[in-house]
C-alpha atoms as a PDB file:
ATOM      1  CA  MET A   1     -20.572  -8.590 -11.029  1.00  0.00           C
ATOM      2  CA  ASP A   2     -19.463  -7.134 -14.384  1.00  0.00           C
ATOM      3  CA  MET A   3     -15.993  -5.880 -14.457  1.00  0.00           C
ATOM      4  CA  ASP A   4     -15.775  -2.166 -15.369  1.00  0.00           C
ATOM      5  CA  LYS A   5     -13.433  -0.598 -17.917  1.00  0.00           C
ATOM      6  CA  GLU A   6     -10.732   0.256 -15.360  1.00  0.00           C
ATOM      7  CA  VAL A   7     -10.585  -3.304 -14.128  1.00  0.00           C
ATOM      8  CA  ARG A   8     -10.400  -4.727 -17.590  1.00  0.00           C
ATOM      9  CA  ASN A   9      -7.658  -2.177 -18.443  1.00  0.00           C
ATOM     10  CA  ILE A  10      -5.577  -3.305 -15.502  1.00  0.00           C
ATOM     11  CA  LEU A  11      -6.029  -6.872 -16.442  1.00  0.00           C
ATOM     12  CA  ASN A  12      -4.939  -6.043 -19.959  1.00  0.00           C
ATOM     13  CA  GLU A  13      -1.881  -4.270 -18.554  1.00  0.00           C
ATOM     14  CA  LEU A  14      -1.065  -7.491 -16.531  1.00  0.00           C
ATOM     15  CA  ARG A  15      -1.494  -9.651 -19.619  1.00  0.00           C
ATOM     16  CA  GLN A  16       0.938  -7.409 -21.670  1.00  0.00           C
ATOM     17  CA  LYS A  17       3.517  -7.674 -18.789  1.00  0.00           C
ATOM     18  CA  VAL A  18       3.190 -11.484 -18.842  1.00  0.00           C
ATOM     19  CA  GLU A  19       3.393 -11.683 -22.564  1.00  0.00           C
ATOM     20  CA  SER A  20       6.697  -9.870 -22.479  1.00  0.00           C
ATOM     21  CA  SER A  21       8.088 -11.907 -19.595  1.00  0.00           C
ATOM     22  CA  GLU A  22       9.977 -15.143 -19.582  1.00  0.00           C
ATOM     23  CA  ASP A  23       9.109 -18.259 -17.551  1.00  0.00           C
ATOM     24  CA  GLY A  24      10.559 -18.196 -14.128  1.00  0.00           C
ATOM     25  CA  SER A  25      13.385 -20.374 -13.080  1.00  0.00           C
ATOM     26  CA  ILE A  26      11.501 -22.311 -10.448  1.00  0.00           C
ATOM     27  CA  TYR A  27       8.127 -20.612 -10.017  1.00  0.00           C
ATOM     28  CA  GLY A  28       6.211 -18.377 -12.417  1.00  0.00           C
ATOM     29  CA  ASP A  29       4.732 -20.250 -15.328  1.00  0.00           C
ATOM     30  CA  ARG A  30       4.098 -17.816 -18.164  1.00  0.00           C
ATOM     31  CA  SER A  31       1.608 -19.916 -20.122  1.00  0.00           C
ATOM     32  CA  LYS A  32      -0.357 -20.699 -16.946  1.00  0.00           C
ATOM     33  CA  ALA A  33      -0.390 -16.973 -16.040  1.00  0.00           C
ATOM     34  CA  LEU A  34      -1.842 -16.103 -19.412  1.00  0.00           C
ATOM     35  CA  GLU A  35      -4.511 -18.809 -19.175  1.00  0.00           C
ATOM     36  CA  ASP A  36      -5.431 -17.554 -15.669  1.00  0.00           C
ATOM     37  CA  ILE A  37      -5.723 -13.963 -16.866  1.00  0.00           C
ATOM     38  CA  GLU A  38      -7.815 -14.995 -19.912  1.00  0.00           C
ATOM     39  CA  SER A  39     -10.065 -16.985 -17.561  1.00  0.00           C
ATOM     40  CA  VAL A  40     -10.637 -14.077 -15.298  1.00  0.00           C
ATOM     41  CA  GLN A  41     -11.359 -11.766 -18.165  1.00  0.00           C
ATOM     42  CA  ALA A  42     -13.914 -14.325 -19.577  1.00  0.00           C
ATOM     43  CA  SER A  43     -15.788 -14.510 -16.224  1.00  0.00           C
ATOM     44  CA  SER A  44     -17.134 -12.001 -13.729  1.00  0.00           C
ATOM     45  CA  SER A  45     -15.842 -13.860 -10.683  1.00  0.00           C
ATOM     46  CA  THR A  46     -14.016 -11.746  -8.118  1.00  0.00           C
ATOM     47  CA  GLU A  47     -13.096 -14.946  -6.309  1.00  0.00           C
ATOM     48  CA  GLN A  48     -11.217 -16.142  -9.271  1.00  0.00           C
ATOM     49  CA  LEU A  49      -9.476 -12.812  -9.441  1.00  0.00           C
ATOM     50  CA  SER A  50      -8.497 -12.996  -5.747  1.00  0.00           C
ATOM     51  CA  TYR A  51      -6.640 -16.342  -6.473  1.00  0.00           C
ATOM     52  CA  LEU A  52      -4.889 -14.811  -9.397  1.00  0.00           C
ATOM     53  CA  LEU A  53      -3.578 -11.950  -7.182  1.00  0.00           C
ATOM     54  CA  ALA A  54      -2.692 -13.938  -4.125  1.00  0.00           C
ATOM     55  CA  PRO A  55       0.753 -13.496  -2.586  1.00  0.00           C
ATOM     56  CA  THR A  56       3.094 -16.272  -3.839  1.00  0.00           C
ATOM     57  CA  ALA A  57       0.782 -17.240  -6.502  1.00  0.00           C
ATOM     58  CA  ASN A  58       2.029 -17.930 -10.063  1.00  0.00           C
ATOM     59  CA  LEU A  59       1.440 -14.416 -11.370  1.00  0.00           C
ATOM     60  CA  GLN A  60       3.291 -12.754  -8.508  1.00  0.00           C
ATOM     61  CA  GLU A  61       6.253 -15.191  -8.674  1.00  0.00           C
ATOM     62  CA  LEU A  62       6.464 -14.554 -12.576  1.00  0.00           C
ATOM     63  CA  ALA A  63       6.371 -10.807 -11.910  1.00  0.00           C
ATOM     64  CA  ILE A  64       9.148 -10.952  -9.333  1.00  0.00           C
ATOM     65  CA  GLU A  65      11.460 -13.179 -11.419  1.00  0.00           C
ATOM     66  CA  ASN A  66      11.026 -10.857 -14.376  1.00  0.00           C
ATOM     67  CA  GLY A  67      11.699  -7.643 -12.456  1.00  0.00           C
ATOM     68  CA  TRP A  68       8.304  -6.090 -12.294  1.00  0.00           C
ATOM     69  CA  GLY A  69       7.217  -7.431  -8.833  1.00  0.00           C
ATOM     70  CA  GLN A  70       6.512  -3.943  -7.383  1.00  0.00           C
ATOM     71  CA  GLU A  71       4.532  -3.071 -10.418  1.00  0.00           C
ATOM     72  CA  PHE A  72       2.523  -6.240  -9.911  1.00  0.00           C
ATOM     73  CA  ASN A  73       1.845  -5.347  -6.264  1.00  0.00           C
ATOM     74  CA  ASN A  74       0.617  -1.783  -7.251  1.00  0.00           C
ATOM     75  CA  LEU A  75      -1.715  -3.220  -9.978  1.00  0.00           C
ATOM     76  CA  ALA A  76      -3.039  -5.845  -7.661  1.00  0.00           C
ATOM     77  CA  SER A  77      -3.725  -3.303  -5.001  1.00  0.00           C
ATOM     78  CA  LYS A  78      -5.657  -1.174  -7.474  1.00  0.00           C
ATOM     79  CA  LEU A  79      -7.798  -4.133  -8.584  1.00  0.00           C
ATOM     80  CA  GLU A  80      -8.452  -5.164  -5.008  1.00  0.00           C
ATOM     81  CA  LYS A  81      -9.626  -1.676  -4.076  1.00  0.00           C
ATOM     82  CA  LEU A  82     -11.731  -1.314  -7.168  1.00  0.00           C
ATOM     83  CA  LEU A  83     -13.444  -4.666  -6.502  1.00  0.00           C
ATOM     84  CA  GLY A  84     -13.574  -4.601  -2.699  1.00  0.00           C
ATOM     85  CA  ILE A  85     -11.618  -7.796  -2.369  1.00  0.00           C
END
Protein backbone atom coordinates (compact mmCIF):
# COMPACT_ATOMS: atom_id res chain seq x y z
CA MET A 1 0.00 0.00 0.00
CA ASP A 2 1.44 3.36 -1.00
CA MET A 3 1.36 5.99 1.68
CA ASP A 4 -0.49 9.08 0.62
CA LYS A 5 0.72 12.64 1.03
CA GLU A 6 -1.12 13.21 4.31
CA VAL A 7 0.49 10.13 5.88
CA ARG A 8 3.93 11.22 4.71
CA ASN A 9 3.33 14.73 6.08
CA ILE A 10 2.47 13.32 9.50
CA LEU A 11 5.57 11.10 9.44
CA ASN A 12 7.66 14.15 8.52
CA GLU A 13 6.12 16.06 11.43
CA LEU A 14 7.00 13.20 13.79
CA ARG A 15 10.54 13.17 12.39
CA GLN A 16 10.92 16.91 13.01
CA LYS A 17 9.70 16.47 16.60
CA VAL A 18 12.21 13.67 17.17
CA GLU A 19 15.05 15.67 15.61
CA SER A 20 14.38 18.51 18.05
CA SER A 21 14.14 16.15 21.05
CA GLU A 22 16.77 14.86 23.42
CA ASP A 23 17.28 11.22 24.33
CA GLY A 24 15.05 10.07 27.17
CA SER A 25 16.51 9.38 30.58
CA ILE A 26 15.63 5.68 30.65
CA TYR A 27 13.49 5.06 27.59
CA GLY A 28 13.21 6.91 24.33
CA ASP A 29 16.26 6.49 22.11
CA ARG A 30 16.35 9.44 19.69
CA SER A 31 18.59 7.83 17.07
CA LYS A 32 16.52 4.61 17.09
CA ALA A 33 13.32 6.63 16.67
CA LEU A 34 14.81 8.42 13.65
CA GLU A 35 15.91 5.08 12.15
CA ASP A 36 12.43 3.65 12.69
CA ILE A 37 10.71 6.62 11.03
CA GLU A 38 13.11 6.49 8.07
CA SER A 39 12.46 2.78 7.70
CA VAL A 40 8.69 3.31 7.66
CA GLN A 41 9.03 6.14 5.15
CA ALA A 42 11.10 3.90 2.86
CA SER A 43 8.58 1.07 2.93
CA SER A 44 4.86 0.77 2.44
CA SER A 45 4.27 -1.53 5.39
CA THR A 46 1.44 -0.53 7.68
CA GLU A 47 2.52 -3.34 10.01
CA GLN A 48 5.86 -1.63 10.55
CA LEU A 49 4.05 1.64 11.17
CA SER A 50 1.81 0.03 13.79
CA TYR A 51 4.92 -1.07 15.72
CA LEU A 52 6.29 2.46 15.55
CA LEU A 53 3.08 3.88 17.02
CA ALA A 54 2.51 1.21 19.68
CA PRO A 55 1.87 2.37 23.25
CA THR A 56 5.05 2.33 25.34
CA ALA A 57 7.17 1.87 22.22
CA ASN A 58 10.35 3.90 21.82
CA LEU A 59 8.76 6.79 19.92
CA GLN A 60 5.97 7.33 22.45
CA GLU A 61 8.41 7.17 25.36
CA LEU A 62 10.66 9.73 23.67
CA ALA A 63 7.68 12.00 23.06
CA ILE A 64 6.52 11.79 26.68
CA GLU A 65 9.98 12.49 28.08
CA ASN A 66 10.34 15.51 25.79
CA GLY A 67 6.96 17.04 26.59
CA TRP A 68 5.06 16.25 23.41
CA GLY A 69 3.35 13.03 24.45
CA GLN A 70 -0.19 14.29 23.81
CA GLU A 71 0.80 15.61 20.40
CA PHE A 72 2.29 12.19 19.62
CA ASN A 73 -0.99 10.53 20.61
CA ASN A 74 -2.92 12.90 18.34
CA LEU A 75 -0.60 12.29 15.37
CA ALA A 76 -0.63 8.53 15.96
CA SER A 77 -4.43 8.55 16.04
CA LYS A 78 -4.56 10.43 12.73
CA LEU A 79 -2.19 7.93 11.12
CA GLU A 80 -4.12 4.95 12.46
CA LYS A 81 -7.37 6.40 11.15
CA LEU A 82 -5.94 7.20 7.72
CA LEU A 83 -4.45 3.73 7.36
CA GLY A 84 -7.18 1.75 9.07
CA ILE A 85 -4.84 0.19 11.63
